[in-house]
Amino acid sequence: MPAKKKYRCLVCSHVYDPAEGDPATGMQPGTAFEDLPADWMCPDCGARKDDFEPMED
């Protein structure tokens, strides 16, 4: 199974790592970025999911 991609916030450079999830918002480790709810926001700056870009491996 290929590793899930990390995504970077274009506003504050926070990195969403699917291996870690986002415990602060209840997203379990292993949750792919694509599987985050549409209303999920950056835990650091509150940017929308649309404000993230996939990171190169």
PDB file of N, CA and C in Angstrom:
ATOM      1  N   MET A   1       0.845  -1.194   0.000  1.00  0.00           N
ATOM      2  CA  MET A   1       0.000   0.000   0.000  1.00  0.00           C
ATOM      3  C   MET A   1       0.883   1.248   0.000  1.00  0.00           C
ATOM      4  N   PRO A   2       0.680   2.164  -0.949  1.00  0.00           N
ATOM      5  CA  PRO A   2       1.536   3.349  -0.999  1.00  0.00           C
ATOM      6  C   PRO A   2       1.303   4.260   0.201  1.00  0.00           C
ATOM      7  N   ALA A   3       2.345   4.957   0.585  1.00  0.00           N
ATOM      8  CA  ALA A   3       2.223   5.887   1.709  1.00  0.00           C
ATOM      9  C   ALA A   3       1.266   7.010   1.319  1.00  0.00           C
ATOM     10  N   LYS A   4       0.486   7.449   2.302  1.00  0.00           N
ATOM     11  CA  LYS A   4      -0.432   8.561   2.044  1.00  0.00           C
ATOM     12  C   LYS A   4       0.371   9.854   2.025  1.00  0.00           C
ATOM     13  N   LYS A   5      -0.041  10.758   1.142  1.00  0.00           N
ATOM     14  CA  LYS A   5       0.666  12.025   0.963  1.00  0.00           C
ATOM     15  C   LYS A   5       0.463  12.970   2.136  1.00  0.00           C
ATOM     16  N   LYS A   6       1.516  13.736   2.417  1.00  0.00           N
ATOM     17  CA  LYS A   6       1.428  14.830   3.379  1.00  0.00           C
ATOM     18  C   LYS A   6       0.955  16.068   2.622  1.00  0.00           C
ATOM     19  N   TYR A   7       0.290  16.958   3.328  1.00  0.00           N
ATOM     20  CA  TYR A   7      -0.191  18.212   2.740  1.00  0.00           C
ATOM     21  C   TYR A   7       0.303  19.382   3.580  1.00  0.00           C
ATOM     22  N   ARG A   8       0.648  20.492   2.907  1.00  0.00           N
ATOM     23  CA  ARG A   8       1.156  21.680   3.590  1.00  0.00           C
ATOM     24  C   ARG A   8       0.159  22.816   3.449  1.00  0.00           C
ATOM     25  N   CYS A   9      -0.054  23.521   4.556  1.00  0.00           N
ATOM     26  CA  CYS A   9      -0.914  24.707   4.557  1.00  0.00           C
ATOM     27  C   CYS A   9      -0.182  25.842   3.848  1.00  0.00           C
ATOM     28  N   LEU A  10      -0.847  26.443   2.863  1.00  0.00           N
ATOM     29  CA  LEU A  10      -0.251  27.547   2.120  1.00  0.00           C
ATOM     30  C   LEU A  10      -0.192  28.828   2.943  1.00  0.00           C
ATOM     31  N   VAL A  11      -0.965  28.881   4.023  1.00  0.00           N
ATOM     32  CA  VAL A  11      -1.011  30.089   4.851  1.00  0.00           C
ATOM     33  C   VAL A  11       0.104  30.080   5.900  1.00  0.00           C
ATOM     34  N   CYS A  12       0.231  28.964   6.644  1.00  0.00           N
ATOM     35  CA  CYS A  12       1.181  28.948   7.765  1.00  0.00           C
ATOM     36  C   CYS A  12       2.241  27.849   7.679  1.00  0.00           C
ATOM     37  N   SER A  13       2.187  27.026   6.638  1.00  0.00           N
ATOM     38  CA  SER A  13       3.139  25.932   6.410  1.00  0.00           C
ATOM     39  C   SER A  13       2.970  24.744   7.354  1.00  0.00           C
ATOM     40  N   HIS A  14       1.848  24.682   8.081  1.00  0.00           N
ATOM     41  CA  HIS A  14       1.561  23.486   8.888  1.00  0.00           C
ATOM     42  C   HIS A  14       1.508  22.283   7.955  1.00  0.00           C
ATOM     43  N   VAL A  15       2.061  21.154   8.397  1.00  0.00           N
ATOM     44  CA  VAL A  15       2.044  19.941   7.583  1.00  0.00           C
ATOM     45  C   VAL A  15       1.072  18.944   8.210  1.00  0.00           C
ATOM     46  N   TYR A  16       0.074  18.529   7.396  1.00  0.00           N
ATOM     47  CA  TYR A  16      -0.817  17.452   7.821  1.00  0.00           C
ATOM     48  C   TYR A  16      -0.166  16.146   7.402  1.00  0.00           C
ATOM     49  N   ASP A  17       0.159  15.313   8.389  1.00  0.00           N
ATOM     50  CA  ASP A  17       0.777  14.016   8.139  1.00  0.00           C
ATOM     51  C   ASP A  17      -0.248  12.934   8.456  1.00  0.00           C
ATOM     52  N   PRO A  18      -0.701  12.198   7.438  1.00  0.00           N
ATOM     53  CA  PRO A  18      -1.724  11.170   7.682  1.00  0.00           C
ATOM     54  C   PRO A  18      -1.275  10.113   8.678  1.00  0.00           C
ATOM     55  N   ALA A  19       0.022   9.877   8.801  1.00  0.00           N
ATOM     56  CA  ALA A  19       0.517   8.891   9.766  1.00  0.00           C
ATOM     57  C   ALA A  19       0.218   9.329  11.196  1.00  0.00           C
ATOM     58  N   GLU A  20       0.136  10.644  11.413  1.00  0.00           N
ATOM     59  CA  GLU A  20      -0.146  11.180  12.749  1.00  0.00           C
ATOM     60  C   GLU A  20      -1.615  11.543  12.926  1.00  0.00           C
ATOM     61  N   GLY A  21      -2.310  11.840  11.834  1.00  0.00           N
ATOM     62  CA  GLY A  21      -3.685  12.321  11.940  1.00  0.00           C
ATOM     63  C   GLY A  21      -3.705  13.713  12.556  1.00  0.00           C
ATOM     64  N   ASP A  22      -4.818  14.059  13.159  1.00  0.00           N
ATOM     65  CA  ASP A  22      -4.944  15.355  13.843  1.00  0.00           C
ATOM     66  C   ASP A  22      -5.738  15.118  15.122  1.00  0.00           C
ATOM     67  N   PRO A  23      -5.048  14.619  16.165  1.00  0.00           N
ATOM     68  CA  PRO A  23      -5.751  14.271  17.406  1.00  0.00           C
ATOM     69  C   PRO A  23      -6.575  15.420  17.996  1.00  0.00           C
ATOM     70  N   ALA A  24      -6.124  16.662  17.779  1.00  0.00           N
ATOM     71  CA  ALA A  24      -6.843  17.813  18.333  1.00  0.00           C
ATOM     72  C   ALA A  24      -8.265  17.916  17.792  1.00  0.00           C
ATOM     73  N   THR A  25      -8.479  17.429  16.568  1.00  0.00           N
ATOM     74  CA  THR A  25      -9.819  17.481  15.978  1.00  0.00           C
ATOM     75  C   THR A  25     -10.448  16.096  15.852  1.00  0.00           C
ATOM     76  N   GLY A  26      -9.825  15.106  16.486  1.00  0.00           N
ATOM     77  CA  GLY A  26     -10.405  13.767  16.500  1.00  0.00           C
ATOM     78  C   GLY A  26     -10.094  12.927  15.273  1.00  0.00           C
ATOM     79  N   MET A  27      -9.166  13.379  14.427  1.00  0.00           N
ATOM     80  CA  MET A  27      -8.796  12.594  13.247  1.00  0.00           C
ATOM     81  C   MET A  27      -7.729  11.585  13.658  1.00  0.00           C
ATOM     82  N   GLN A  28      -8.046  10.328  13.504  1.00  0.00           N
ATOM     83  CA  GLN A  28      -7.164   9.254  13.943  1.00  0.00           C
ATOM     84  C   GLN A  28      -5.941   9.127  13.043  1.00  0.00           C
ATOM     85  N   PRO A  29      -4.808   8.637  13.589  1.00  0.00           N
ATOM     86  CA  PRO A  29      -3.664   8.317  12.730  1.00  0.00           C
ATOM     87  C   PRO A  29      -4.103   7.381  11.612  1.00  0.00           C
ATOM     88  N   GLY A  30      -3.575   7.603  10.422  1.00  0.00           N
ATOM     89  CA  GLY A  30      -3.950   6.788   9.273  1.00  0.00           C
ATOM     90  C   GLY A  30      -5.046   7.420   8.430  1.00  0.00           C
ATOM     91  N   THR A  31      -5.573   8.579   8.859  1.00  0.00           N
ATOM     92  CA  THR A  31      -6.620   9.262   8.096  1.00  0.00           C
ATOM     93  C   THR A  31      -5.989  10.052   6.951  1.00  0.00           C
ATOM     94  N   ALA A  32      -6.309   9.663   5.719  1.00  0.00           N
ATOM     95  CA  ALA A  32      -5.786  10.374   4.551  1.00  0.00           C
ATOM     96  C   ALA A  32      -6.366  11.781   4.498  1.00  0.00           C
ATOM     97  N   PHE A  33      -5.604  12.711   3.935  1.00  0.00           N
ATOM     98  CA  PHE A  33      -6.074  14.090   3.806  1.00  0.00           C
ATOM     99  C   PHE A  33      -7.409  14.137   3.077  1.00  0.00           C
ATOM    100  N   GLU A  34      -7.531  13.326   2.034  1.00  0.00           N
ATOM    101  CA  GLU A  34      -8.758  13.298   1.233  1.00  0.00           C
ATOM    102  C   GLU A  34      -9.970  12.858   2.056  1.00  0.00           C
ATOM    103  N   ASP A  35      -9.722  12.124   3.136  1.00  0.00           N
ATOM    104  CA  ASP A  35     -10.810  11.621   3.979  1.00  0.00           C
ATOM    105  C   ASP A  35     -11.187  12.571   5.113  1.00  0.00           C
ATOM    106  N   LEU A  36     -10.458  13.686   5.242  1.00  0.00           N
ATOM    107  CA  LEU A  36     -10.829  14.669   6.265  1.00  0.00           C
ATOM    108  C   LEU A  36     -12.157  15.302   5.871  1.00  0.00           C
ATOM    109  N   PRO A  37     -12.986  15.671   6.845  1.00  0.00           N
ATOM    110  CA  PRO A  37     -14.261  16.322   6.494  1.00  0.00           C
ATOM    111  C   PRO A  37     -14.035  17.640   5.753  1.00  0.00           C
ATOM    112  N   ALA A  38     -14.986  18.020   4.929  1.00  0.00           N
ATOM    113  CA  ALA A  38     -14.880  19.239   4.120  1.00  0.00           C
ATOM    114  C   ALA A  38     -14.710  20.485   5.000  1.00  0.00           C
ATOM    115  N   ASP A  39     -15.231  20.439   6.223  1.00  0.00           N
ATOM    116  CA  ASP A  39     -15.133  21.614   7.099  1.00  0.00           C
ATOM    117  C   ASP A  39     -13.917  21.569   8.026  1.00  0.00           C
ATOM    118  N   TRP A  40     -13.025  20.591   7.819  1.00  0.00           N
ATOM    119  CA  TRP A  40     -11.794  20.522   8.612  1.00  0.00           C
ATOM    120  C   TRP A  40     -10.962  21.766   8.347  1.00  0.00           C
ATOM    121  N   MET A  41     -10.307  22.292   9.381  1.00  0.00           N
ATOM    122  CA  MET A  41      -9.488  23.484   9.238  1.00  0.00           C
ATOM    123  C   MET A  41      -8.100  23.238   9.812  1.00  0.00           C
ATOM    124  N   CYS A  42      -7.135  24.005   9.347  1.00  0.00           N
ATOM    125  CA  CYS A  42      -5.767  23.921   9.835  1.00  0.00           C
ATOM    126  C   CYS A  42      -5.764  24.158  11.345  1.00  0.00           C
ATOM    127  N   PRO A  43      -5.164  23.233  12.111  1.00  0.00           N
ATOM    128  CA  PRO A  43      -5.160  23.401  13.565  1.00  0.00           C
ATOM    129  C   PRO A  43      -4.290  24.565  14.035  1.00  0.00           C
ATOM    130  N   ASP A  44      -3.390  25.053  13.177  1.00  0.00           N
ATOM    131  CA  ASP A  44      -2.513  26.157  13.579  1.00  0.00           C
ATOM    132  C   ASP A  44      -3.079  27.534  13.256  1.00  0.00           C
ATOM    133  N   CYS A  45      -3.688  27.671  12.055  1.00  0.00           N
ATOM    134  CA  CYS A  45      -4.120  29.018  11.647  1.00  0.00           C
ATOM    135  C   CYS A  45      -5.592  29.102  11.256  1.00  0.00           C
ATOM    136  N   GLY A  46      -6.282  27.955  11.166  1.00  0.00           N
ATOM    137  CA  GLY A  46      -7.700  27.988  10.833  1.00  0.00           C
ATOM    138  C   GLY A  46      -7.991  28.069   9.343  1.00  0.00           C
ATOM    139  N   ALA A  47      -6.962  27.894   8.506  1.00  0.00           N
ATOM    140  CA  ALA A  47      -7.175  27.921   7.060  1.00  0.00           C
ATOM    141  C   ALA A  47      -8.062  26.744   6.647  1.00  0.00           C
ATOM    142  N   ARG A  48      -8.742  26.900   5.526  1.00  0.00           N
ATOM    143  CA  ARG A  48      -9.626  25.843   5.028  1.00  0.00           C
ATOM    144  C   ARG A  48      -8.819  24.736   4.360  1.00  0.00           C
ATOM    145  N   LYS A  49      -9.459  23.614   4.188  1.00  0.00           N
ATOM    146  CA  LYS A  49      -8.831  22.465   3.535  1.00  0.00           C
ATOM    147  C   LYS A  49      -8.359  22.833   2.126  1.00  0.00           C
ATOM    148  N   ASP A  50      -9.065  23.741   1.463  1.00  0.00           N
ATOM    149  CA  ASP A  50      -8.693  24.193   0.116  1.00  0.00           C
ATOM    150  C   ASP A  50      -7.351  24.929   0.101  1.00  0.00           C
ATOM    151  N   ASP A  51      -6.900  25.383   1.278  1.00  0.00           N
ATOM    152  CA  ASP A  51      -5.656  26.136   1.368  1.00  0.00           C
ATOM    153  C   ASP A  51      -4.441  25.242   1.598  1.00  0.00           C
ATOM    154  N   PHE A  52      -4.591  23.938   1.364  1.00  0.00           N
ATOM    155  CA  PHE A  52      -3.480  22.995   1.512  1.00  0.00           C
ATOM    156  C   PHE A  52      -3.065  22.487   0.143  1.00  0.00           C
ATOM    157  N   GLU A  53      -1.772  22.175   0.011  1.00  0.00           N
ATOM    158  CA  GLU A  53      -1.266  21.594  -1.235  1.00  0.00           C
ATOM    159  C   GLU A  53      -0.539  20.304  -0.910  1.00  0.00           C
ATOM    160  N   PRO A  54      -0.579  19.335  -1.829  1.00  0.00           N
ATOM    161  CA  PRO A  54       0.157  18.087  -1.596  1.00  0.00           C
ATOM    162  C   PRO A  54       1.655  18.347  -1.635  1.00  0.00           C
ATOM    163  N   MET A  55       2.385  17.648  -0.791  1.00  0.00           N
ATOM    164  CA  MET A  55       3.846  17.783  -0.755  1.00  0.00           C
ATOM    165  C   MET A  55       4.465  16.688  -1.621  1.00  0.00           C
ATOM    166  N   GLU A  56       5.578  17.021  -2.245  1.00  0.00           N
ATOM    167  CA  GLU A  56       6.313  16.022  -3.022  1.00  0.00           C
ATOM    168  C   GLU A  56       6.993  15.059  -2.054  1.00  0.00           C
ATOM    169  N   ASP A  57       7.127  13.819  -2.474  1.00  0.00           N
ATOM    170  CA  ASP A  57       7.784  12.824  -1.629  1.00  0.00           C
ATOM    171  C   ASP A  57       9.281  13.059  -1.564  1.00  0.00           C
TER     172      ASP A  57
END
